[in-house]
Protein backbone atom coordinates (compact mmCIF):
# COMPACT_ATOMS: atom_id res chain seq x y z
CA MET A 1 62.41 44.13 5.29
CA ASN A 2 62.20 43.19 1.32
CA VAL A 3 65.93 41.93 -0.05
CA PHE A 4 67.06 45.76 -1.21
CA ARG A 5 66.70 47.42 2.14
CA CYS A 6 68.49 44.61 3.51
CA LEU A 7 71.64 45.22 0.94
CA LYS A 8 71.46 48.12 1.12
CA PHE A 9 71.69 48.72 5.06
CA ASN A 10 74.72 46.30 4.50
CA ILE A 11 76.45 48.40 2.23
CA ILE A 12 75.85 51.63 4.37
CA ARG A 13 77.05 49.67 7.45
CA MET A 14 80.37 48.38 5.91
CA GLY A 15 83.31 49.48 8.36
CA VAL A 16 80.98 49.06 11.24
CA THR A 17 80.23 45.49 13.07
CA GLN A 18 77.11 44.97 14.58
CA VAL A 19 76.56 43.25 17.47
CA SER A 20 73.44 41.78 18.86
CA ASP A 21 74.44 39.42 21.59
CA ALA A 22 76.74 39.31 24.73
CA LYS A 23 79.01 36.37 23.01
CA SER A 24 80.07 38.78 20.20
CA TRP A 25 80.14 41.74 22.36
CA GLU A 26 82.76 39.71 24.53
CA ILE A 27 84.59 39.28 21.37
CA ASP A 28 84.51 42.21 19.51
CA VAL A 29 84.16 45.43 22.37
CA ILE A 30 85.62 43.52 25.88
CA ASN A 31 88.28 42.05 24.26
CA SER A 32 89.58 44.63 21.48
CA ASP A 33 93.46 45.63 21.69
CA ILE A 34 92.13 49.04 20.34
CA PRO A 35 89.19 51.61 21.62
CA VAL A 36 85.78 50.93 20.21
CA PHE A 37 83.35 53.32 19.69
CA VAL A 38 80.12 51.63 20.12
CA ASP A 39 76.53 53.18 18.81
CA PHE A 40 73.71 51.65 20.74
CA TRP A 41 70.32 52.78 18.16
CA ALA A 42 66.95 51.67 16.99
CA GLU A 43 65.86 51.30 13.58
CA TRP A 44 62.61 53.77 14.48
CA CYS A 45 64.82 56.62 15.85
CA GLY A 46 65.33 59.39 13.85
CA PRO A 47 68.17 60.78 15.28
CA CYS A 48 69.63 57.18 15.26
CA ARG A 49 69.48 57.76 11.85
CA MET A 50 70.69 60.96 11.27
CA VAL A 51 73.36 59.70 13.70
CA SER A 52 74.79 56.66 11.58
CA PRO A 53 76.20 58.14 8.72
CA VAL A 54 78.40 60.02 10.67
CA VAL A 55 79.78 56.88 12.44
CA GLU A 56 80.34 55.21 8.94
CA GLU A 57 82.33 58.70 7.91
CA LEU A 58 84.13 57.91 11.42
CA ALA A 59 85.20 54.30 10.71
CA SER A 60 86.53 55.19 7.30
CA ASP A 61 88.64 58.19 9.15
CA TYR A 62 89.93 56.08 12.41
CA GLU A 63 90.03 52.77 10.36
CA GLY A 64 92.87 50.74 12.13
CA LYS A 65 92.63 52.66 15.44
CA VAL A 66 89.34 52.56 16.21
CA LYS A 67 86.69 49.96 16.07
CA PHE A 68 83.13 50.76 15.75
CA VAL A 69 80.10 48.49 16.54
CA LYS A 70 76.86 49.37 16.22
CA VAL A 71 74.18 47.78 18.73
CA ASN A 72 70.01 48.00 18.33
CA VAL A 73 68.90 48.21 21.24
CA ASP A 74 65.45 46.01 20.06
CA GLU A 75 67.86 43.36 19.39
CA ALA A 76 69.79 43.80 22.22
CA ASN A 77 68.31 44.58 25.15
CA GLU A 78 70.44 43.12 28.07
CA LEU A 79 73.42 45.14 26.33
CA ALA A 80 71.48 48.48 26.48
CA SER A 81 70.67 47.40 30.31
CA LYS A 82 73.93 46.50 31.15
CA TYR A 83 75.05 49.66 30.29
CA ASN A 84 72.15 52.12 31.26
CA VAL A 85 71.01 52.94 28.14
CA PHE A 86 67.97 54.58 28.25
CA SER A 87 67.63 56.93 25.54
CA ILE A 88 68.82 56.95 22.37
CA PRO A 89 71.38 57.27 20.31
CA THR A 90 73.78 56.67 23.06
CA LEU A 91 77.63 56.79 22.07
CA ILE A 92 80.12 55.15 23.75
CA LEU A 93 83.82 55.33 23.51
CA LEU A 94 85.25 51.86 25.74
CA ASN A 95 88.80 51.24 25.89
CA LYS A 96 90.17 47.66 26.97
CA GLY A 97 86.20 47.24 27.95
CA GLU A 98 86.16 50.40 30.53
CA ILE A 99 83.78 52.75 29.58
CA VAL A 100 86.33 56.14 28.91
CA SER A 101 83.61 58.38 27.35
CA GLN A 102 80.06 58.75 26.42
CA GLN A 103 77.56 61.03 24.64
CA VAL A 104 73.54 60.42 25.18
CA GLY A 105 71.75 62.57 21.92
CA ALA A 106 72.60 63.65 18.62
CA ALA A 107 75.99 65.24 17.85
CA SER A 108 77.95 66.68 15.24
CA LYS A 109 80.42 64.49 13.53
CA GLU A 110 83.60 67.53 15.45
CA SER A 111 82.19 66.46 19.15
CA TYR A 112 82.12 62.47 18.19
CA LYS A 113 86.39 63.15 16.48
CA ASN A 114 87.21 65.49 19.50
CA MET A 115 85.53 62.13 21.92
CA ILE A 116 87.45 59.87 20.37
CA ASP A 117 90.65 61.74 19.91
CA ARG A 118 90.71 62.50 23.38
CA ALA A 119 90.49 58.54 24.55
CA LEU A 120 93.49 57.99 21.92
CA GLN A 121 95.89 60.85 23.60
CA SER A 122 95.57 59.16 27.13
């Protein structure tokens, strides 16, 4: 990956935390005091690339209310296996370490907002 692509990738992902191991998963997701929206993805996945900008927008929309995390299944396949992620993108909303909602496949921003809003209301 060239330097420009790395810099571009990091700029695009502001507001979303990348998790790639069990320790950071425990800290950033399981122990979070707010709900966590997790995007299981891979760089080679076309639908994942379509979902990524939507996740970035949602991270901005729900700043301080929901944490947003991306898990690259190629780098963290043990996490993907633990959560039975067999297709990507898979988006999971966790609250206090428990799955409260899950969406497999690309969906609209409105669909993800509904998923998040339902969890915040309960």
